[in-house]
Structures are given as C-alpha cells and as structure tokens.
Amino acid sequence: MIALACAMIAPIAFAQTSTSTTERTTTTAPDTATTTETTTYSAGTVTTYEPGKTIVVRSAEGPVSFALGTAARIVNGAGTVVTAPLRAGQKVRVYYTGTGEKRVVERVLVED
C-alpha cells in the first residue's frame, strides 16, 4: 500500500518546476543623525585649575570636577578671552555638556 501511494505521488512531485525568488532589501541610512546635547552650567568658586586638563569648582552641590578639552574657552563678562590662568577663589560659571564623569567644559565665564 505504501509502495502504491509513493508510486502515485512520485509523478506529481517530480513534475513540479522549481521557482527561485530573489528578494532585494535596500537599507537607506538617514541623511543626518539628530542628537540633542544640553549645555548646563554650574556656578561657584575655583578650587583647583589645571590648564588644558581639569577645573574643580566649589558650588552649592559641593566640589564638582570638569574636564577641559582643547575647545574650552575662558572668557570674562564682556566675552573677551581671558589669557591669565584661573586662581583659587575666583567666581566662575562653567558651561558644560555631559553628566557625571563625562562632564566636558565648553566655556568658563569669569564673574569677577
């Protein structure tokens, strides 16, 4: 019986033609990636300053450390670049991006 069933199905199975379908998927990357980065500031007095490396400011939250990148600018209230190194006790406002250990200074505004 099984042999008879196989014999009847075999012609049908071998008579089928095979079909192959190729599917092309195109992934388009977005033209521009949108990232939002918030600039925050912390006001206080300078406790430690290492030019080109770090600045530590004593603020209402306690001492806060910031990384100084090469693009960080130190300016006075008029927007003029300050060339003299910061001193301990100077009042500043540090504008930065990032949080925690990844705070990077964009600009330091010397308030006095």
Protein backbone atom coordinates (compact mmCIF):
# COMPACT_ATOMS: atom_id res chain seq x y z
CA MET A 1 0.00 0.00 0.00
CA ILE A 2 2.77 2.36 0.87
CA ALA A 3 4.58 1.48 -2.34
CA LEU A 4 1.43 2.15 -4.34
CA ALA A 5 0.92 5.55 -2.66
CA CYS A 6 4.53 6.52 -3.33
CA ALA A 7 4.22 5.43 -6.94
CA MET A 8 1.16 7.63 -7.39
CA ILE A 9 2.67 10.68 -5.75
CA ALA A 10 6.07 10.44 -7.45
CA PRO A 11 4.95 11.69 -10.89
CA ILE A 12 3.25 14.69 -9.30
CA ALA A 13 6.25 15.54 -7.14
CA PHE A 14 8.76 15.29 -10.00
CA ALA A 15 6.50 17.22 -12.38
CA GLN A 16 6.71 20.40 -10.29
CA THR A 17 9.09 23.04 -11.51
CA SER A 18 11.23 24.82 -9.01
CA THR A 19 10.95 28.54 -8.59
CA SER A 20 13.57 30.76 -7.09
CA THR A 21 12.80 34.20 -5.79
CA THR A 22 15.45 36.76 -5.05
CA GLU A 23 14.44 39.47 -2.67
CA ARG A 24 16.47 42.67 -2.52
CA THR A 25 16.34 44.78 0.56
CA THR A 26 17.74 48.26 0.44
CA THR A 27 18.52 49.99 3.69
CA THR A 28 18.87 53.72 3.44
CA ALA A 29 20.80 55.47 6.17
CA PRO A 30 19.28 58.75 7.33
CA ASP A 31 20.90 61.83 5.82
CA THR A 32 21.61 63.31 9.23
CA ALA A 33 21.54 61.86 12.68
CA THR A 34 19.80 64.04 15.20
CA THR A 35 21.40 64.21 18.60
CA THR A 36 20.45 66.63 21.27
CA GLU A 37 23.02 67.70 23.76
CA THR A 38 22.12 70.04 26.57
CA THR A 39 24.55 72.64 27.82
CA THR A 40 24.30 73.18 31.55
CA TYR A 41 26.19 75.46 33.86
CA SER A 42 27.48 75.32 37.39
CA ALA A 43 28.36 78.48 39.31
CA GLY A 44 30.82 78.65 42.18
CA THR A 45 34.42 79.37 43.06
CA VAL A 46 37.51 77.77 41.61
CA THR A 47 39.29 75.39 44.00
CA THR A 48 41.69 73.71 41.54
CA TYR A 49 42.65 74.60 37.97
CA GLU A 50 45.00 72.65 35.70
CA PRO A 51 45.13 74.40 32.29
CA GLY A 52 44.07 72.08 29.49
CA LYS A 53 43.13 69.29 31.92
CA THR A 54 40.62 69.94 34.71
CA ILE A 55 38.87 72.55 36.77
CA VAL A 56 37.25 71.91 40.15
CA VAL A 57 34.55 74.32 41.25
CA ARG A 58 33.01 74.51 44.72
CA SER A 59 29.28 75.02 44.13
CA ALA A 60 26.05 74.52 46.05
CA GLU A 61 26.35 70.76 45.32
CA GLY A 62 29.89 70.64 46.73
CA PRO A 63 33.10 70.33 44.71
CA VAL A 64 32.46 69.47 41.06
CA SER A 65 35.21 68.39 38.65
CA PHE A 66 35.13 69.14 34.92
CA ALA A 67 37.35 68.03 32.04
CA LEU A 68 38.82 70.86 29.99
CA GLY A 69 39.01 70.00 26.32
CA THR A 70 41.04 71.86 23.74
CA ALA A 71 37.93 73.75 22.60
CA ALA A 72 37.12 75.10 26.09
CA ARG A 73 37.18 78.89 26.21
CA ILE A 74 37.72 81.04 29.29
CA VAL A 75 36.03 84.43 28.90
CA ASN A 76 35.07 87.42 31.04
CA GLY A 77 31.62 89.04 31.27
CA ALA A 78 32.29 91.06 28.09
CA GLY A 79 33.08 87.88 26.14
CA THR A 80 36.80 88.65 25.87
CA VAL A 81 39.11 85.66 26.12
CA VAL A 82 40.97 85.54 29.45
CA THR A 83 44.61 84.58 28.99
CA ALA A 84 45.66 84.62 32.67
CA PRO A 85 45.31 81.29 34.48
CA LEU A 86 42.37 80.95 36.84
CA ARG A 87 43.10 81.34 40.55
CA ALA A 88 41.59 79.58 43.52
CA GLY A 89 38.71 81.63 44.91
CA GLN A 90 37.66 83.23 41.59
CA LYS A 91 33.93 83.20 40.92
CA VAL A 92 33.10 81.38 37.71
CA ARG A 93 30.22 79.92 35.80
CA VAL A 94 31.19 76.70 33.98
CA TYR A 95 29.09 75.78 30.93
CA TYR A 96 29.40 72.08 30.14
CA THR A 97 27.86 69.10 28.40
CA GLY A 98 27.55 65.56 29.70
CA THR A 99 26.96 64.20 33.17
CA GLY A 100 28.89 62.52 35.93
CA GLU A 101 32.45 61.66 34.97
CA LYS A 102 31.77 62.77 31.40
CA ARG A 103 31.29 66.50 32.03
CA VAL A 104 33.21 68.42 29.37
CA VAL A 105 33.63 72.19 29.57
CA GLU A 106 32.56 74.31 26.62
CA ARG A 107 33.10 77.70 28.24
CA VAL A 108 34.13 79.18 31.57
CA LEU A 109 32.76 82.64 32.37
CA VAL A 110 34.86 84.52 34.94
CA GLU A 111 32.41 86.55 37.01
CA ASP A 112 34.77 88.86 38.91
